[in-house]
Amino acid sequence: MEQLLLIAIFLLVGLVNVLVRWLRQRSQVPRPEAEPPPGPEPARGRRLELPPAARVIVPPLPPEAAVPAPRRMRPEAAPPARRRPRPRLGSRADVRRAIVTMTVLGPCRAREHEVEVGTSSPART
């Protein structure tokens, strides 16, 4: 009985989602609006006359106020590159190899549990 009730709830939720989506789409459909009143149409064959363009007259500069030609600029000297400090342990590859070697040559990890059990409780009954 509970399974049928759960199925009915899932179907009801899905149906509500479909209905909401359908109603949103329906409300967003653009409705035709009334046409704007016709405005005055320009006469065909006649061009619209534009006023004459304004002319700007720039007075010539006196010779002493003339702008000098641009000079070639030297690029600024870049600050010296910072040297990275040399690592004391070697490169990353060297450190990686050292860790792998320590893991392989180190104590057996399977026996760590035995050592802990043997030393932690010496007198057990």
Protein backbone atom coordinates (compact mmCIF):
# COMPACT_ATOMS: atom_id res chain seq x y z
CA MET A 1 0.00 0.00 0.00
CA GLU A 2 2.84 2.38 0.87
CA GLN A 3 4.52 1.73 -2.47
CA LEU A 4 1.39 2.72 -4.39
CA LEU A 5 1.09 5.88 -2.31
CA LEU A 6 4.71 6.82 -3.09
CA ILE A 7 4.19 6.22 -6.81
CA ALA A 8 1.05 8.38 -6.75
CA ILE A 9 2.95 11.21 -5.02
CA PHE A 10 5.76 11.11 -7.60
CA LEU A 11 3.25 11.15 -10.46
CA LEU A 12 1.37 14.06 -8.86
CA VAL A 13 4.58 16.10 -8.44
CA GLY A 14 5.53 15.46 -12.08
CA LEU A 15 2.06 16.47 -13.29
CA VAL A 16 2.18 19.70 -11.26
CA ASN A 17 5.61 20.54 -12.75
CA VAL A 18 4.32 20.00 -16.29
CA LEU A 19 1.26 22.16 -15.65
CA VAL A 20 3.32 25.01 -14.15
CA ARG A 21 5.74 24.96 -17.10
CA TRP A 22 2.84 24.97 -19.58
CA LEU A 23 1.14 27.90 -17.83
CA ARG A 24 4.39 29.93 -17.81
CA GLN A 25 4.90 29.36 -21.53
CA ARG A 26 1.33 30.31 -22.24
CA SER A 27 1.62 33.56 -20.28
CA GLN A 28 4.81 34.51 -22.14
CA VAL A 29 3.32 34.23 -25.63
CA PRO A 30 3.34 37.76 -27.11
CA ARG A 31 -0.12 38.97 -27.80
CA PRO A 32 -0.72 41.14 -30.88
CA GLU A 33 -1.06 44.74 -29.83
CA ALA A 34 -2.99 47.47 -31.56
CA GLU A 35 -1.14 48.97 -34.50
CA PRO A 36 0.32 52.41 -33.88
CA PRO A 37 -1.47 55.24 -35.64
CA PRO A 38 0.04 55.95 -39.03
CA GLY A 39 2.37 58.96 -38.95
CA PRO A 40 3.10 61.36 -41.75
CA GLU A 41 4.85 59.53 -44.56
CA PRO A 42 7.67 61.25 -46.41
CA ALA A 43 6.91 62.06 -50.00
CA ARG A 44 8.43 59.50 -52.30
CA GLY A 45 10.99 60.68 -54.79
CA ARG A 46 12.01 63.69 -52.70
CA ARG A 47 15.17 63.71 -50.67
CA LEU A 48 15.35 65.24 -47.27
CA GLU A 49 17.48 68.40 -47.40
CA LEU A 50 20.28 68.65 -44.85
CA PRO A 51 21.82 71.91 -43.64
CA PRO A 52 25.33 72.68 -44.93
CA ALA A 53 28.19 71.20 -42.90
CA ALA A 54 30.00 73.49 -40.50
CA ARG A 55 33.60 74.30 -41.37
CA VAL A 56 36.26 74.67 -38.69
CA ILE A 57 39.28 76.78 -39.51
CA VAL A 58 42.37 76.11 -37.38
CA PRO A 59 44.88 78.95 -37.29
CA PRO A 60 48.47 77.91 -38.07
CA LEU A 61 50.84 77.63 -35.09
CA PRO A 62 53.80 79.96 -34.79
CA PRO A 63 57.17 78.25 -35.43
CA GLU A 64 58.35 78.40 -31.80
CA ALA A 65 55.14 76.73 -30.53
CA ALA A 66 55.43 73.85 -32.96
CA VAL A 67 55.48 70.44 -31.37
CA PRO A 68 58.88 68.73 -31.71
CA ALA A 69 59.07 65.39 -33.47
CA PRO A 70 58.75 62.47 -31.08
CA ARG A 71 62.08 61.03 -29.95
CA ARG A 72 62.80 57.37 -29.76
CA MET A 73 62.44 56.21 -26.22
CA ARG A 74 64.72 53.57 -24.81
CA PRO A 75 62.93 50.78 -23.03
CA GLU A 76 63.36 50.86 -19.30
CA ALA A 77 65.84 48.40 -17.96
CA ALA A 78 64.07 45.40 -16.54
CA PRO A 79 64.84 44.64 -12.91
CA PRO A 80 67.35 41.82 -12.53
CA ALA A 81 65.77 38.41 -12.44
CA ARG A 82 65.49 36.97 -8.93
CA ARG A 83 67.45 33.83 -8.52
CA ARG A 84 65.63 31.10 -6.75
CA PRO A 85 67.47 29.80 -3.72
CA ARG A 86 69.05 26.44 -4.32
CA PRO A 87 67.14 23.73 -2.49
CA ARG A 88 69.14 21.99 0.23
CA LEU A 89 67.56 18.60 -0.36
CA GLY A 90 68.03 18.50 -4.11
CA SER A 91 65.39 18.55 -6.79
CA ARG A 92 61.83 17.37 -6.37
CA ALA A 93 62.65 14.14 -8.15
CA ASP A 94 65.47 13.48 -5.65
CA VAL A 95 63.15 14.08 -2.69
CA ARG A 96 60.54 11.76 -4.23
CA ARG A 97 63.11 9.01 -4.70
CA ALA A 98 64.29 9.42 -1.09
CA ILE A 99 60.75 9.06 0.27
CA VAL A 100 60.14 5.92 -1.80
CA THR A 101 63.45 4.46 -0.64
CA MET A 102 62.64 5.20 3.02
CA THR A 103 59.26 3.53 2.64
CA VAL A 104 60.69 0.43 0.97
CA LEU A 105 63.70 0.00 3.27
CA GLY A 106 61.96 1.10 6.47
CA PRO A 107 60.31 -1.15 9.04
CA CYS A 108 57.60 -3.57 7.94
CA ARG A 109 54.23 -1.92 8.42
CA ALA A 110 52.49 -5.27 8.85
CA ARG A 111 54.42 -5.82 12.08
CA GLU A 112 53.69 -2.39 13.59
CA HIS A 113 50.44 -3.70 15.08
CA GLU A 114 52.22 -6.62 16.77
CA VAL A 115 54.78 -4.32 18.37
CA GLU A 116 52.07 -1.99 19.73
CA VAL A 117 49.99 -4.85 21.20
CA GLY A 118 53.02 -6.53 22.78
CA THR A 119 54.36 -3.38 24.49
CA SER A 120 51.14 -1.66 25.51
CA SER A 121 49.77 -4.32 27.86
CA PRO A 122 52.47 -6.53 29.40
CA ALA A 123 50.33 -8.08 32.16
CA ARG A 124 47.01 -9.19 30.76
CA THR A 125 44.86 -11.95 32.20
